[in-house]
Amino acid sequence: MVVKMKKALILFMSFTLLCISMGIHDSVADAQPQEDIFVNEGFHELQTVLSAIEHIPDAVVAQGEEKTIEWLTQHTGMRVIVKEGNLQFLPKLLPSFNIPGCISAIGLAILTVGFPFTKILKVKKAIDALGGTVKFVKAFSQSYQLYKSYGYSTTTAVQKAIRSIGGSLKSDLYYALLDFFNINNILGNCT
């Protein structure tokens, strides 16, 4: 339990430091447009990764982590690594952003935190069951932004968005999506 809490705290602090180190804009007028740009960029990156996962051949995944990483790197244009059993996607450029934009940029955060390598085929099946990458990302983005507008925290908004669009999935696919969005780690360590 203590180890999990330490990992959650380290992850939170690292993410916070990343947000702060990327710079804070002095102009309040610039904050909203930059936040929108960053969120849109984050969802674009998310869509790129989900599309690659949706189209990865099962035979490539069966060949192991190295071949999977090679294939995903080639098809996303991002550097892909496995760290402690989690696939992490490292975009080439991170846009300039502010603290609110950083916190709401869930798409990019998901990619850099990673998700369990062992769940890649379940995430692929979940995406297929929900109508494909474009349909899923559009529905997720709309649902997430709706829950954020209600004042929910980022974690709660993501969880509710996944629940609203993925509620009809088999439980193993639903939980694979939660793992992809790293919600299970947050819930396990913070509740």
Protein backbone atom coordinates (compact mmCIF):
# COMPACT_ATOMS: atom_id res chain seq x y z
CA MET A 1 0.00 0.00 0.00
CA VAL A 2 2.80 2.39 0.94
CA VAL A 3 4.68 1.53 -2.26
CA LYS A 4 1.58 2.29 -4.35
CA MET A 5 1.10 5.60 -2.57
CA LYS A 6 4.75 6.50 -3.15
CA LYS A 7 4.44 5.68 -6.86
CA ALA A 8 1.26 7.76 -7.14
CA LEU A 9 2.90 10.67 -5.33
CA ILE A 10 6.03 10.49 -7.50
CA LEU A 11 3.89 10.35 -10.66
CA PHE A 12 1.82 13.34 -9.51
CA MET A 13 4.89 15.37 -8.54
CA SER A 14 6.67 14.54 -11.81
CA PHE A 15 3.65 15.61 -13.84
CA THR A 16 3.32 18.81 -11.81
CA LEU A 17 7.01 19.63 -12.26
CA LEU A 18 6.71 18.97 -15.99
CA CYS A 19 3.79 21.40 -16.18
CA ILE A 20 5.64 24.07 -14.24
CA SER A 21 8.91 23.61 -16.12
CA MET A 22 7.22 24.08 -19.48
CA GLY A 23 6.50 27.69 -18.55
CA ILE A 24 3.67 29.82 -17.34
CA HIS A 25 2.36 32.57 -19.58
CA ASP A 26 2.02 36.02 -18.02
CA SER A 27 -0.88 37.09 -20.17
CA VAL A 28 -4.28 35.89 -19.02
CA ALA A 29 -5.68 36.74 -22.45
CA ASP A 30 -3.33 34.20 -24.03
CA ALA A 31 -4.28 31.42 -21.61
CA GLN A 32 -7.58 30.29 -23.12
CA PRO A 33 -6.49 29.98 -26.78
CA GLN A 34 -3.29 28.17 -25.77
CA GLU A 35 -5.25 25.79 -23.55
CA ASP A 36 -7.60 24.94 -26.41
CA ILE A 37 -4.67 24.40 -28.77
CA PHE A 38 -2.93 22.11 -26.29
CA VAL A 39 -6.06 20.09 -25.52
CA ASN A 40 -6.75 19.68 -29.23
CA GLU A 41 -3.13 18.65 -29.81
CA GLY A 42 -3.38 16.18 -26.92
CA PHE A 43 -6.48 14.59 -28.41
CA HIS A 44 -4.82 14.49 -31.85
CA GLU A 45 -1.87 12.60 -30.34
CA LEU A 46 -4.31 10.31 -28.51
CA GLN A 47 -6.15 9.61 -31.75
CA THR A 48 -2.87 8.81 -33.52
CA VAL A 49 -1.92 6.27 -30.84
CA LEU A 50 -5.38 4.70 -30.65
CA SER A 51 -5.48 4.39 -34.43
CA ALA A 52 -2.14 2.59 -34.40
CA ILE A 53 -3.37 0.26 -31.64
CA GLU A 54 -6.59 -0.38 -33.55
CA HIS A 55 -4.64 -1.41 -36.66
CA ILE A 56 -1.71 -3.31 -35.12
CA PRO A 57 -1.72 -6.91 -36.33
CA ASP A 58 -2.17 -9.48 -33.57
CA ALA A 59 0.82 -11.34 -35.05
CA VAL A 60 3.06 -8.34 -34.29
CA VAL A 61 1.93 -8.25 -30.65
CA ALA A 62 2.48 -12.02 -30.42
CA GLN A 63 6.14 -11.45 -31.38
CA GLY A 64 6.67 -9.53 -28.14
CA GLU A 65 7.45 -6.08 -26.83
CA GLU A 66 10.36 -5.30 -29.16
CA LYS A 67 8.44 -5.92 -32.40
CA THR A 68 5.37 -4.16 -31.01
CA ILE A 69 7.43 -1.09 -30.07
CA GLU A 70 9.04 -1.09 -33.51
CA TRP A 71 5.65 -1.27 -35.24
CA LEU A 72 4.06 1.41 -33.02
CA THR A 73 7.03 3.75 -33.46
CA GLN A 74 6.80 3.39 -37.23
CA HIS A 75 3.02 3.97 -37.30
CA THR A 76 2.74 6.81 -34.76
CA GLY A 77 5.88 8.77 -35.54
CA MET A 78 6.57 8.87 -31.80
CA ARG A 79 9.29 7.29 -29.74
CA VAL A 80 7.74 4.32 -27.92
CA ILE A 81 9.29 2.64 -24.90
CA VAL A 82 8.31 0.05 -22.32
CA LYS A 83 8.98 1.15 -18.77
CA GLU A 84 8.04 -1.15 -15.88
CA GLY A 85 5.69 -3.08 -18.18
CA ASN A 86 3.92 0.06 -19.46
CA LEU A 87 3.98 1.27 -23.04
CA GLN A 88 4.87 4.96 -23.15
CA PHE A 89 4.56 7.19 -26.19
CA LEU A 90 6.90 10.16 -26.30
CA PRO A 91 5.73 12.84 -28.75
CA LYS A 92 8.50 14.70 -30.57
CA LEU A 93 7.35 18.16 -29.51
CA LEU A 94 5.39 19.33 -26.51
CA PRO A 95 3.63 22.63 -27.17
CA SER A 96 4.02 25.61 -24.85
CA PHE A 97 1.20 25.70 -22.34
CA ASN A 98 0.01 27.01 -18.99
CA ILE A 99 -0.94 25.21 -15.78
CA PRO A 100 -4.70 24.91 -16.53
CA GLY A 101 -3.89 23.76 -20.06
CA CYS A 102 -1.40 21.27 -18.68
CA ILE A 103 -3.86 19.81 -16.22
CA SER A 104 -6.64 19.53 -18.81
CA ALA A 105 -4.41 18.06 -21.50
CA ILE A 106 -5.37 14.52 -20.70
CA GLY A 107 -4.61 13.10 -24.12
CA LEU A 108 -0.91 13.86 -23.97
CA ALA A 109 -0.65 12.92 -20.32
CA ILE A 110 -2.05 9.48 -21.03
CA LEU A 111 0.53 8.83 -23.70
CA THR A 112 3.53 9.84 -21.64
CA VAL A 113 2.40 7.99 -18.49
CA GLY A 114 1.78 4.79 -20.42
CA PHE A 115 -0.46 1.76 -20.06
CA PRO A 116 0.19 -1.95 -19.48
CA PHE A 117 1.71 -3.67 -22.52
CA THR A 118 -0.30 -6.78 -21.72
CA LYS A 119 -3.56 -4.87 -22.33
CA ILE A 120 -2.82 -3.73 -25.89
CA LEU A 121 -5.04 -6.34 -27.58
CA LYS A 122 -7.91 -5.64 -25.16
CA VAL A 123 -7.64 -1.90 -25.84
CA LYS A 124 -7.67 -2.74 -29.56
CA LYS A 125 -10.85 -4.84 -29.14
CA ALA A 126 -12.49 -2.10 -27.06
CA ILE A 127 -11.74 0.51 -29.74
CA ASP A 128 -13.18 -1.78 -32.42
CA ALA A 129 -16.29 -2.47 -30.30
CA LEU A 130 -16.84 1.27 -29.88
CA GLY A 131 -16.77 1.97 -33.62
CA GLY A 132 -13.10 2.69 -34.28
CA THR A 133 -10.59 5.31 -33.27
CA VAL A 134 -12.16 8.41 -34.79
CA LYS A 135 -15.60 7.69 -33.37
CA PHE A 136 -14.16 6.77 -29.96
CA VAL A 137 -11.91 9.84 -29.64
CA LYS A 138 -14.71 12.15 -30.76
CA ALA A 139 -17.17 10.62 -28.27
CA PHE A 140 -14.56 10.58 -25.50
CA SER A 141 -13.54 14.19 -26.14
CA GLN A 142 -17.13 15.42 -26.12
CA SER A 143 -18.07 13.42 -23.04
CA TYR A 144 -14.90 14.39 -21.16
CA GLN A 145 -15.38 18.09 -21.92
CA LEU A 146 -19.02 17.87 -20.85
CA TYR A 147 -18.08 16.38 -17.47
CA LYS A 148 -15.29 18.95 -17.04
CA SER A 149 -17.85 21.71 -17.71
CA TYR A 150 -19.92 20.29 -14.83
CA GLY A 151 -16.94 20.97 -12.57
CA TYR A 152 -15.66 17.41 -12.17
CA SER A 153 -11.96 16.81 -11.61
CA THR A 154 -9.93 15.51 -14.53
CA THR A 155 -9.83 12.00 -13.07
CA THR A 156 -13.57 11.91 -12.42
CA ALA A 157 -14.36 13.42 -15.84
CA VAL A 158 -12.26 10.75 -17.58
CA GLN A 159 -13.84 7.97 -15.54
CA LYS A 160 -17.38 9.22 -16.22
CA ALA A 161 -16.62 9.72 -19.93
CA ILE A 162 -15.34 6.17 -20.26
CA ARG A 163 -18.30 4.85 -18.28
CA SER A 164 -20.76 6.74 -20.50
CA ILE A 165 -19.29 5.61 -23.83
CA GLY A 166 -17.88 2.24 -22.77
CA GLY A 167 -20.64 1.01 -20.51
CA SER A 168 -21.80 -1.61 -23.01
CA LEU A 169 -18.36 -3.25 -23.23
CA LYS A 170 -17.49 -6.56 -21.60
CA SER A 171 -15.91 -5.90 -18.23
CA ASP A 172 -12.39 -6.96 -19.29
CA LEU A 173 -12.46 -4.52 -22.24
CA TYR A 174 -13.93 -1.76 -20.07
CA TYR A 175 -11.16 -2.22 -17.50
CA ALA A 176 -8.54 -2.31 -20.26
CA LEU A 177 -9.78 1.13 -21.32
CA LEU A 178 -9.55 2.33 -17.73
CA ASP A 179 -5.98 1.01 -17.65
CA PHE A 180 -5.23 2.82 -20.91
CA PHE A 181 -6.39 6.05 -19.31
CA ASN A 182 -4.49 5.08 -16.13
CA ILE A 183 -7.64 5.48 -14.03
CA ASN A 184 -7.23 2.15 -12.23
CA ASN A 185 -3.89 3.29 -10.81
CA ILE A 186 -5.38 6.59 -9.67
CA LEU A 187 -8.44 4.92 -8.15
CA GLY A 188 -6.35 2.20 -6.52
CA ASN A 189 -3.98 4.68 -4.93
CA CYS A 190 -6.35 7.49 -4.02
CA THR A 191 -9.49 5.77 -2.75
